[in-house]
């Protein structure tokens, strides 16, 4: 896909029994380095995580190159400290 940050969001987690995925498909894309997040807009599970993960990837790709102190950058990129719902997963 190139330099554009991306994640694969598998929505409708509340209807997971109805998903039509080949066995091992999710594990296969994870092995290829993709970030996969299961979510449900109905329950809210994974929605915040998806947005935060994509934002974090974008910042890492676009801001780190202009930061003069990578240690400071890595510390400020920790979104989990601001999102209690992510810590519950």
N, C-alpha and C. Protein backbone atom coordinates (compact mmCIF):
# COMPACT_ATOMS: atom_id res chain seq x y z
N UNK A 1 0.84 -1.19 0.00
CA UNK A 1 0.00 0.00 0.00
C UNK A 1 0.87 1.24 0.00
N UNK A 2 2.10 1.14 0.40
CA UNK A 2 2.99 2.29 0.33
C UNK A 2 3.17 2.97 1.66
N UNK A 3 3.53 4.25 1.59
CA UNK A 3 3.86 5.01 2.78
C UNK A 3 2.64 5.52 3.54
N UNK A 4 1.46 5.32 3.02
CA UNK A 4 0.26 5.78 3.71
C UNK A 4 -0.04 4.81 4.85
N UNK A 5 -0.15 5.32 6.09
CA UNK A 5 -0.42 4.41 7.20
C UNK A 5 -1.82 3.80 7.06
N UNK A 6 -1.94 2.55 7.44
CA UNK A 6 -3.23 1.88 7.34
C UNK A 6 -3.35 0.82 8.42
N UNK A 7 -4.59 0.48 8.71
CA UNK A 7 -4.90 -0.64 9.59
C UNK A 7 -6.08 -1.37 8.97
N UNK A 8 -6.24 -2.62 9.30
CA UNK A 8 -7.39 -3.39 8.85
C UNK A 8 -8.35 -3.48 10.03
N UNK A 9 -9.54 -2.91 9.85
CA UNK A 9 -10.54 -2.93 10.91
C UNK A 9 -11.63 -3.92 10.51
N UNK A 10 -11.78 -4.95 11.32
CA UNK A 10 -12.83 -5.93 11.10
C UNK A 10 -14.02 -5.52 11.96
N UNK A 11 -15.01 -4.92 11.32
CA UNK A 11 -16.17 -4.38 12.02
C UNK A 11 -17.24 -5.46 12.21
N UNK A 12 -18.24 -5.10 12.94
CA UNK A 12 -19.36 -5.99 13.24
C UNK A 12 -18.92 -7.19 14.09
N UNK A 13 -18.05 -6.92 15.05
CA UNK A 13 -17.58 -7.98 15.94
C UNK A 13 -18.75 -8.65 16.67
N UNK A 14 -19.80 -7.88 16.90
CA UNK A 14 -20.98 -8.44 17.56
C UNK A 14 -21.68 -9.48 16.67
N UNK A 15 -21.36 -9.50 15.37
CA UNK A 15 -21.92 -10.48 14.44
C UNK A 15 -20.82 -11.39 13.88
N UNK A 16 -19.81 -11.64 14.68
CA UNK A 16 -18.65 -12.40 14.23
C UNK A 16 -19.03 -13.78 13.67
N UNK A 17 -20.07 -14.38 14.18
CA UNK A 17 -20.49 -15.69 13.69
C UNK A 17 -20.91 -15.63 12.22
N UNK A 18 -21.28 -14.45 11.74
CA UNK A 18 -21.71 -14.29 10.34
C UNK A 18 -20.58 -13.87 9.41
N UNK A 19 -19.38 -13.65 9.94
CA UNK A 19 -18.25 -13.25 9.09
C UNK A 19 -17.96 -14.36 8.09
N UNK A 20 -17.57 -13.97 6.89
CA UNK A 20 -17.20 -14.93 5.86
C UNK A 20 -15.72 -14.79 5.55
N UNK A 21 -14.89 -15.29 6.44
CA UNK A 21 -13.44 -15.25 6.28
C UNK A 21 -12.89 -16.66 6.20
N UNK A 22 -11.92 -16.84 5.33
CA UNK A 22 -11.26 -18.14 5.26
C UNK A 22 -10.48 -18.37 6.55
N UNK A 23 -10.43 -19.62 6.97
CA UNK A 23 -9.70 -19.97 8.19
C UNK A 23 -8.23 -19.55 8.05
N UNK A 24 -7.74 -18.82 9.02
CA UNK A 24 -6.35 -18.38 9.01
C UNK A 24 -6.10 -17.09 8.27
N UNK A 25 -7.13 -16.48 7.68
CA UNK A 25 -6.93 -15.25 6.90
C UNK A 25 -6.42 -14.10 7.77
N UNK A 26 -6.98 -13.96 8.95
CA UNK A 26 -6.56 -12.87 9.84
C UNK A 26 -5.12 -13.09 10.29
N UNK A 27 -4.79 -14.30 10.68
CA UNK A 27 -3.42 -14.61 11.11
C UNK A 27 -2.43 -14.37 9.98
N UNK A 28 -2.86 -14.64 8.76
CA UNK A 28 -1.97 -14.47 7.61
C UNK A 28 -1.61 -13.00 7.38
N UNK A 29 -2.59 -12.10 7.47
CA UNK A 29 -2.26 -10.68 7.26
C UNK A 29 -1.48 -10.11 8.44
N UNK A 30 -1.72 -10.63 9.64
CA UNK A 30 -0.93 -10.20 10.80
C UNK A 30 0.53 -10.61 10.62
N UNK A 31 0.75 -11.82 10.10
CA UNK A 31 2.12 -12.28 9.85
C UNK A 31 2.81 -11.43 8.79
N UNK A 32 2.04 -10.81 7.91
CA UNK A 32 2.60 -9.94 6.87
C UNK A 32 2.86 -8.53 7.40
N UNK A 33 2.60 -8.32 8.69
CA UNK A 33 2.91 -7.03 9.30
C UNK A 33 1.75 -6.06 9.39
N UNK A 34 0.57 -6.49 9.03
CA UNK A 34 -0.60 -5.62 9.11
C UNK A 34 -1.06 -5.50 10.56
N UNK A 35 -1.61 -4.35 10.89
CA UNK A 35 -2.27 -4.16 12.18
C UNK A 35 -3.74 -4.46 11.97
N UNK A 36 -4.29 -5.40 12.73
CA UNK A 36 -5.68 -5.80 12.60
C UNK A 36 -6.40 -5.51 13.91
N UNK A 37 -7.52 -4.80 13.81
CA UNK A 37 -8.31 -4.48 15.00
C UNK A 37 -9.74 -4.93 14.75
N UNK A 38 -10.27 -5.72 15.66
CA UNK A 38 -11.66 -6.13 15.59
C UNK A 38 -12.49 -5.10 16.34
N UNK A 39 -13.62 -4.72 15.73
CA UNK A 39 -14.42 -3.67 16.36
C UNK A 39 -15.91 -3.92 16.17
N UNK A 40 -16.67 -3.21 16.96
CA UNK A 40 -18.12 -3.21 16.84
C UNK A 40 -18.61 -1.80 17.09
N UNK A 41 -19.16 -1.18 16.07
CA UNK A 41 -19.71 0.16 16.26
C UNK A 41 -20.93 0.09 17.19
N UNK A 42 -21.60 -1.04 17.18
CA UNK A 42 -22.78 -1.22 18.03
C UNK A 42 -22.42 -1.16 19.51
N UNK A 43 -21.36 -1.87 19.90
CA UNK A 43 -20.97 -1.90 21.31
C UNK A 43 -19.87 -0.88 21.63
N UNK A 44 -19.20 -0.38 20.59
CA UNK A 44 -18.11 0.56 20.78
C UNK A 44 -16.75 -0.11 20.96
N UNK A 45 -16.74 -1.43 21.08
CA UNK A 45 -15.50 -2.16 21.29
C UNK A 45 -14.56 -1.99 20.10
N UNK A 46 -13.35 -1.56 20.36
CA UNK A 46 -12.33 -1.44 19.32
C UNK A 46 -12.37 -0.17 18.49
N UNK A 47 -13.42 0.62 18.60
CA UNK A 47 -13.56 1.82 17.77
C UNK A 47 -12.50 2.86 18.15
N UNK A 48 -12.40 3.17 19.41
CA UNK A 48 -11.40 4.14 19.87
C UNK A 48 -9.99 3.63 19.59
N UNK A 49 -9.78 2.34 19.81
CA UNK A 49 -8.47 1.75 19.54
C UNK A 49 -8.09 1.91 18.07
N UNK A 50 -9.04 1.73 17.17
CA UNK A 50 -8.76 1.87 15.73
C UNK A 50 -8.32 3.29 15.39
N UNK A 51 -9.06 4.28 15.88
CA UNK A 51 -8.70 5.67 15.60
C UNK A 51 -7.35 6.04 16.21
N UNK A 52 -7.13 5.63 17.44
CA UNK A 52 -5.86 5.96 18.10
C UNK A 52 -4.68 5.26 17.43
N UNK A 53 -4.86 4.02 17.03
CA UNK A 53 -3.78 3.29 16.37
C UNK A 53 -3.42 3.93 15.04
N UNK A 54 -4.43 4.29 14.25
CA UNK A 54 -4.16 4.93 12.96
C UNK A 54 -3.50 6.29 13.16
N UNK A 55 -3.96 7.05 14.13
CA UNK A 55 -3.34 8.35 14.43
C UNK A 55 -1.89 8.17 14.86
N UNK A 56 -1.65 7.19 15.70
CA UNK A 56 -0.29 6.91 16.17
C UNK A 56 0.62 6.54 15.00
N UNK A 57 0.14 5.71 14.08
CA UNK A 57 0.93 5.34 12.91
C UNK A 57 1.23 6.57 12.06
N UNK A 58 0.24 7.43 11.86
CA UNK A 58 0.44 8.63 11.05
C UNK A 58 1.48 9.54 11.71
N UNK A 59 1.34 9.76 13.01
CA UNK A 59 2.30 10.61 13.71
C UNK A 59 3.71 10.04 13.65
N UNK A 60 3.82 8.74 13.84
CA UNK A 60 5.13 8.10 13.81
C UNK A 60 5.80 8.29 12.45
N UNK A 61 5.03 8.18 11.38
CA UNK A 61 5.57 8.32 10.03
C UNK A 61 5.84 9.77 9.64
N UNK A 62 5.05 10.70 10.16
CA UNK A 62 5.11 12.08 9.69
C UNK A 62 5.76 13.07 10.64
N UNK A 63 5.85 12.74 11.90
CA UNK A 63 6.39 13.68 12.88
C UNK A 63 7.79 13.29 13.33
N UNK A 64 8.06 12.00 13.42
CA UNK A 64 9.34 11.54 13.97
C UNK A 64 10.52 12.09 13.18
N UNK A 65 10.38 12.21 11.87
CA UNK A 65 11.49 12.69 11.05
C UNK A 65 11.83 14.15 11.36
N UNK A 66 10.88 14.91 11.88
CA UNK A 66 11.16 16.31 12.19
C UNK A 66 11.49 16.54 13.66
N UNK A 67 11.41 15.50 14.48
CA UNK A 67 11.71 15.62 15.91
C UNK A 67 13.21 15.48 16.13
N UNK A 68 13.78 16.40 16.89
CA UNK A 68 15.22 16.39 17.10
C UNK A 68 15.65 15.42 18.19
N UNK A 69 14.75 15.05 19.09
CA UNK A 69 15.08 14.12 20.16
C UNK A 69 14.11 12.93 20.12
N UNK A 70 14.50 11.81 19.48
CA UNK A 70 13.60 10.67 19.35
C UNK A 70 13.09 10.13 20.68
N UNK A 71 13.88 10.25 21.76
CA UNK A 71 13.44 9.76 23.06
C UNK A 71 12.20 10.51 23.53
N UNK A 72 12.21 11.82 23.37
CA UNK A 72 11.04 12.63 23.74
C UNK A 72 9.86 12.26 22.87
N UNK A 73 10.10 12.09 21.58
CA UNK A 73 9.02 11.72 20.66
C UNK A 73 8.37 10.41 21.08
N UNK A 74 9.17 9.39 21.36
CA UNK A 74 8.62 8.09 21.73
C UNK A 74 7.80 8.16 23.01
N UNK A 75 8.19 9.02 23.94
CA UNK A 75 7.43 9.15 25.19
C UNK A 75 6.11 9.87 24.96
N UNK A 76 6.08 10.85 24.08
CA UNK A 76 4.85 11.60 23.86
C UNK A 76 3.87 10.85 22.98
N UNK A 77 4.32 9.79 22.31
CA UNK A 77 3.46 9.04 21.40
C UNK A 77 2.64 7.97 22.11
N UNK A 78 2.77 7.85 23.41
CA UNK A 78 2.06 6.83 24.17
C UNK A 78 0.64 7.30 24.48
N UNK A 79 -0.30 6.93 23.59
CA UNK A 79 -1.69 7.35 23.76
C UNK A 79 -2.40 6.60 24.87
N UNK A 80 -1.92 5.42 25.23
CA UNK A 80 -2.63 4.61 26.21
C UNK A 80 -2.78 5.32 27.55
N UNK A 81 -1.85 6.20 27.88
CA UNK A 81 -1.96 6.91 29.15
C UNK A 81 -3.16 7.86 29.17
N UNK A 82 -3.67 8.22 27.98
CA UNK A 82 -4.80 9.14 27.90
C UNK A 82 -6.11 8.42 27.62
N UNK A 83 -6.08 7.11 27.45
CA UNK A 83 -7.27 6.38 27.05
C UNK A 83 -7.51 5.18 27.96
N UNK A 84 -8.22 5.37 29.05
CA UNK A 84 -8.45 4.28 29.99
C UNK A 84 -9.16 3.09 29.35
N UNK A 85 -10.01 3.32 28.34
CA UNK A 85 -10.73 2.20 27.73
C UNK A 85 -9.79 1.26 27.01
N UNK A 86 -8.67 1.75 26.50
CA UNK A 86 -7.71 0.87 25.84
C UNK A 86 -7.03 -0.05 26.84
N UNK A 87 -6.84 0.44 28.04
CA UNK A 87 -6.16 -0.36 29.05
C UNK A 87 -7.05 -1.51 29.53
N UNK A 88 -8.35 -1.38 29.34
CA UNK A 88 -9.28 -2.41 29.79
C UNK A 88 -9.30 -3.61 28.87
N UNK A 89 -8.76 -3.50 27.67
CA UNK A 89 -8.82 -4.60 26.68
C UNK A 89 -7.79 -5.63 26.96
